Amino acid sequence: MLRVQTQELDGTLTCRLEGRFTGRGAEEVRTLITCCDSKLELVVDLTDVMFIDAIGEEVLLFVKRLGAEFVAENSYSRDVCERLQLPFIGKRKSNMQVPGNSDGNGHRPRRR
C-alpha cells in the first residue's frame, strides 16, 4: 500500500511517500506530479518508502528529469538515490508533520 501526502509551501511542492512505491501507485504519482504547476520546486521525500519496484524506479527517474530533489533520511532511501543517481538531501525541507508525532522531528514518542 502507498500513501502520498503533498504540501505546497513557499514555491515548493513536497510529495511525501510512505509504504510500497510500486506498479499502479507509482504511475498515479507520476500523473499527480505531471498535473502540478511546473513553476514549483519539486521535492520527493522517500524516507518512509519500504520498497520500490522497477516501475517505481522508472517514475523516480522521470521525476528526476523534471528537476526534483529527493529526501533520503535512512539507509534504504539513500541506497535507492545513490543507485539511481538521484540528487538527494538528508533532511526534510518542509515542516510536514509525521503522523503520530508531536514535535515534527521524525521520532515517535516513547510508550511507557
C-alpha atoms as a PDB file:
ATOM      1  CA  MET A   1       0.000   0.000   0.000  1.00  0.00           C
ATOM      2  CA  LEU A   2       1.188   3.513  -0.809  1.00  0.00           C
ATOM      3  CA  ARG A   3       0.328   6.719   0.990  1.00  0.00           C
ATOM      4  CA  VAL A   4       1.069  10.075  -0.658  1.00  0.00           C
ATOM      5  CA  GLN A   5       0.970  13.422   1.122  1.00  0.00           C
ATOM      6  CA  THR A   6       1.539  16.663  -0.727  1.00  0.00           C
ATOM      7  CA  GLN A   7       2.261  20.103   0.631  1.00  0.00           C
ATOM      8  CA  GLU A   8       2.793  23.351  -1.248  1.00  0.00           C
ATOM      9  CA  LEU A   9       4.777  25.923   0.712  1.00  0.00           C
ATOM     10  CA  ASP A  10       6.967  28.861  -0.357  1.00  0.00           C
ATOM     11  CA  GLY A  11       7.161  27.845  -4.016  1.00  0.00           C
ATOM     12  CA  THR A  12       7.972  24.217  -3.242  1.00  0.00           C
ATOM     13  CA  LEU A  13       5.760  21.181  -3.764  1.00  0.00           C
ATOM     14  CA  THR A  14       6.750  18.378  -1.403  1.00  0.00           C
ATOM     15  CA  CYS A  15       5.473  14.848  -2.067  1.00  0.00           C
ATOM     16  CA  ARG A  16       5.979  12.562   0.908  1.00  0.00           C
ATOM     17  CA  LEU A  17       5.723   8.881   0.002  1.00  0.00           C
ATOM     18  CA  GLU A  18       5.096   6.132   2.533  1.00  0.00           C
ATOM     19  CA  GLY A  19       4.892   2.372   2.003  1.00  0.00           C
ATOM     20  CA  ARG A  20       5.495   0.425  -1.204  1.00  0.00           C
ATOM     21  CA  PHE A  21       6.216   2.541  -4.298  1.00  0.00           C
ATOM     22  CA  THR A  22       5.174   0.011  -6.926  1.00  0.00           C
ATOM     23  CA  GLY A  23       3.086  -0.506 -10.048  1.00  0.00           C
ATOM     24  CA  ARG A  24      -0.166   1.384 -10.271  1.00  0.00           C
ATOM     25  CA  GLY A  25       0.564   3.534  -7.208  1.00  0.00           C
ATOM     26  CA  ALA A  26       3.829   4.718  -8.738  1.00  0.00           C
ATOM     27  CA  GLU A  27       2.081   5.505 -12.039  1.00  0.00           C
ATOM     28  CA  GLU A  28      -0.560   7.518 -10.164  1.00  0.00           C
ATOM     29  CA  VAL A  29       2.197   9.564  -8.513  1.00  0.00           C
ATOM     30  CA  ARG A  30       3.662  10.239 -11.978  1.00  0.00           C
ATOM     31  CA  THR A  31       0.250  11.519 -13.095  1.00  0.00           C
ATOM     32  CA  LEU A  32      -0.136  13.635  -9.957  1.00  0.00           C
ATOM     33  CA  ILE A  33       3.255  15.281 -10.403  1.00  0.00           C
ATOM     34  CA  THR A  34       2.696  15.829 -14.131  1.00  0.00           C
ATOM     35  CA  CYS A  35      -0.543  17.699 -13.380  1.00  0.00           C
ATOM     36  CA  CYS A  36       1.113  20.061 -10.872  1.00  0.00           C
ATOM     37  CA  ASP A  37       2.331  23.595 -11.527  1.00  0.00           C
ATOM     38  CA  SER A  38       5.689  23.295 -13.312  1.00  0.00           C
ATOM     39  CA  LYS A  39       6.927  26.551 -11.740  1.00  0.00           C
ATOM     40  CA  LEU A  40       7.110  24.921  -8.299  1.00  0.00           C
ATOM     41  CA  GLU A  41      10.331  23.403  -6.994  1.00  0.00           C
ATOM     42  CA  LEU A  42       9.669  19.682  -6.534  1.00  0.00           C
ATOM     43  CA  VAL A  43      10.864  17.680  -3.513  1.00  0.00           C
ATOM     44  CA  VAL A  44      10.078  13.963  -3.155  1.00  0.00           C
ATOM     45  CA  ASP A  45      10.531  12.517   0.335  1.00  0.00           C
ATOM     46  CA  LEU A  46      11.430   8.819   0.119  1.00  0.00           C
ATOM     47  CA  THR A  47      12.259   8.382   3.803  1.00  0.00           C
ATOM     48  CA  ASP A  48       9.208   6.258   4.655  1.00  0.00           C
ATOM     49  CA  VAL A  49       9.250   4.112   1.498  1.00  0.00           C
ATOM     50  CA  MET A  50       9.772   0.414   2.292  1.00  0.00           C
ATOM     51  CA  PHE A  51      10.130  -0.988  -1.241  1.00  0.00           C
ATOM     52  CA  ILE A  52      10.440   0.281  -4.822  1.00  0.00           C
ATOM     53  CA  ASP A  53       9.912  -1.965  -7.852  1.00  0.00           C
ATOM     54  CA  ALA A  54      11.092  -1.400 -11.453  1.00  0.00           C
ATOM     55  CA  ILE A  55       8.050   0.755 -12.292  1.00  0.00           C
ATOM     56  CA  GLY A  56       8.654   2.860  -9.188  1.00  0.00           C
ATOM     57  CA  GLU A  57      12.289   3.310 -10.217  1.00  0.00           C
ATOM     58  CA  GLU A  58      11.194   4.441 -13.703  1.00  0.00           C
ATOM     59  CA  VAL A  59       8.867   7.007 -12.128  1.00  0.00           C
ATOM     60  CA  LEU A  60      11.661   8.303  -9.876  1.00  0.00           C
ATOM     61  CA  LEU A  61      13.942   8.713 -12.910  1.00  0.00           C
ATOM     62  CA  PHE A  62      11.137  10.551 -14.719  1.00  0.00           C
ATOM     63  CA  VAL A  63      10.684  12.884 -11.733  1.00  0.00           C
ATOM     64  CA  LYS A  64      14.461  13.439 -11.636  1.00  0.00           C
ATOM     65  CA  ARG A  65      14.315  14.637 -15.260  1.00  0.00           C
ATOM     66  CA  LEU A  66      11.708  17.194 -14.141  1.00  0.00           C
ATOM     67  CA  GLY A  67      14.316  18.633 -11.767  1.00  0.00           C
ATOM     68  CA  ALA A  68      13.148  17.094  -8.494  1.00  0.00           C
ATOM     69  CA  GLU A  69      15.263  16.831  -5.389  1.00  0.00           C
ATOM     70  CA  PHE A  70      14.842  13.801  -3.116  1.00  0.00           C
ATOM     71  CA  VAL A  71      14.854  13.474   0.664  1.00  0.00           C
ATOM     72  CA  ALA A  72      16.528  10.313   1.936  1.00  0.00           C
ATOM     73  CA  GLU A  73      16.863  10.037   5.715  1.00  0.00           C
ATOM     74  CA  ASN A  74      17.531   6.300   6.052  1.00  0.00           C
ATOM     75  CA  SER A  75      19.814   3.704   4.524  1.00  0.00           C
ATOM     76  CA  TYR A  76      17.237   2.208   2.112  1.00  0.00           C
ATOM     77  CA  SER A  77      16.168   5.540   0.635  1.00  0.00           C
ATOM     78  CA  ARG A  78      19.799   6.733   0.403  1.00  0.00           C
ATOM     79  CA  ASP A  79      20.766   3.486  -1.347  1.00  0.00           C
ATOM     80  CA  VAL A  80      17.960   3.954  -3.897  1.00  0.00           C
ATOM     81  CA  CYS A  81      19.046   7.556  -4.527  1.00  0.00           C
ATOM     82  CA  GLU A  82      22.697   6.575  -4.946  1.00  0.00           C
ATOM     83  CA  ARG A  83      21.906   3.617  -7.217  1.00  0.00           C
ATOM     84  CA  LEU A  84      19.613   5.680  -9.465  1.00  0.00           C
ATOM     85  CA  GLN A  85      21.847   8.767  -9.180  1.00  0.00           C
ATOM     86  CA  LEU A  86      19.021  10.899  -7.788  1.00  0.00           C
ATOM     87  CA  PRO A  87      20.002  14.234  -6.226  1.00  0.00           C
ATOM     88  CA  PHE A  88      19.214  13.852  -2.528  1.00  0.00           C
ATOM     89  CA  ILE A  89      19.384  15.698   0.730  1.00  0.00           C
ATOM     90  CA  GLY A  90      19.491  14.131   4.168  1.00  0.00           C
ATOM     91  CA  LYS A  91      16.747  16.078   5.955  1.00  0.00           C
ATOM     92  CA  ARG A  92      13.187  17.151   5.205  1.00  0.00           C
ATOM     93  CA  LYS A  93      12.865  20.688   3.845  1.00  0.00           C
ATOM     94  CA  SER A  94       9.233  21.162   4.848  1.00  0.00           C
ATOM     95  CA  ASN A  95       7.513  21.261   8.202  1.00  0.00           C
ATOM     96  CA  MET A  96       5.210  18.435   7.143  1.00  0.00           C
ATOM     97  CA  GLN A  97       4.297  16.552  10.306  1.00  0.00           C
ATOM     98  CA  VAL A  98       4.954  12.858  10.628  1.00  0.00           C
ATOM     99  CA  PRO A  99       1.690  11.105  11.603  1.00  0.00           C
ATOM    100  CA  GLY A 100       1.619  10.254  15.296  1.00  0.00           C
ATOM    101  CA  ASN A 101       4.430  12.672  16.008  1.00  0.00           C
ATOM    102  CA  SER A 102       4.115  15.589  18.392  1.00  0.00           C
ATOM    103  CA  ASP A 103       7.284  17.515  17.611  1.00  0.00           C
ATOM    104  CA  GLY A 104       7.933  17.011  13.854  1.00  0.00           C
ATOM    105  CA  ASN A 105      11.486  15.706  14.351  1.00  0.00           C
ATOM    106  CA  GLY A 106      10.831  12.290  12.820  1.00  0.00           C
ATOM    107  CA  HIS A 107      10.717  10.395  16.117  1.00  0.00           C
ATOM    108  CA  ARG A 108       7.626   8.893  17.599  1.00  0.00           C
ATOM    109  CA  PRO A 109       7.011   9.424  21.307  1.00  0.00           C
ATOM    110  CA  ARG A 110       8.093   6.606  23.623  1.00  0.00           C
ATOM    111  CA  ARG A 111       5.424   4.442  25.151  1.00  0.00           C
ATOM    112  CA  ARG A 112       5.699   3.922  28.868  1.00  0.00           C
END
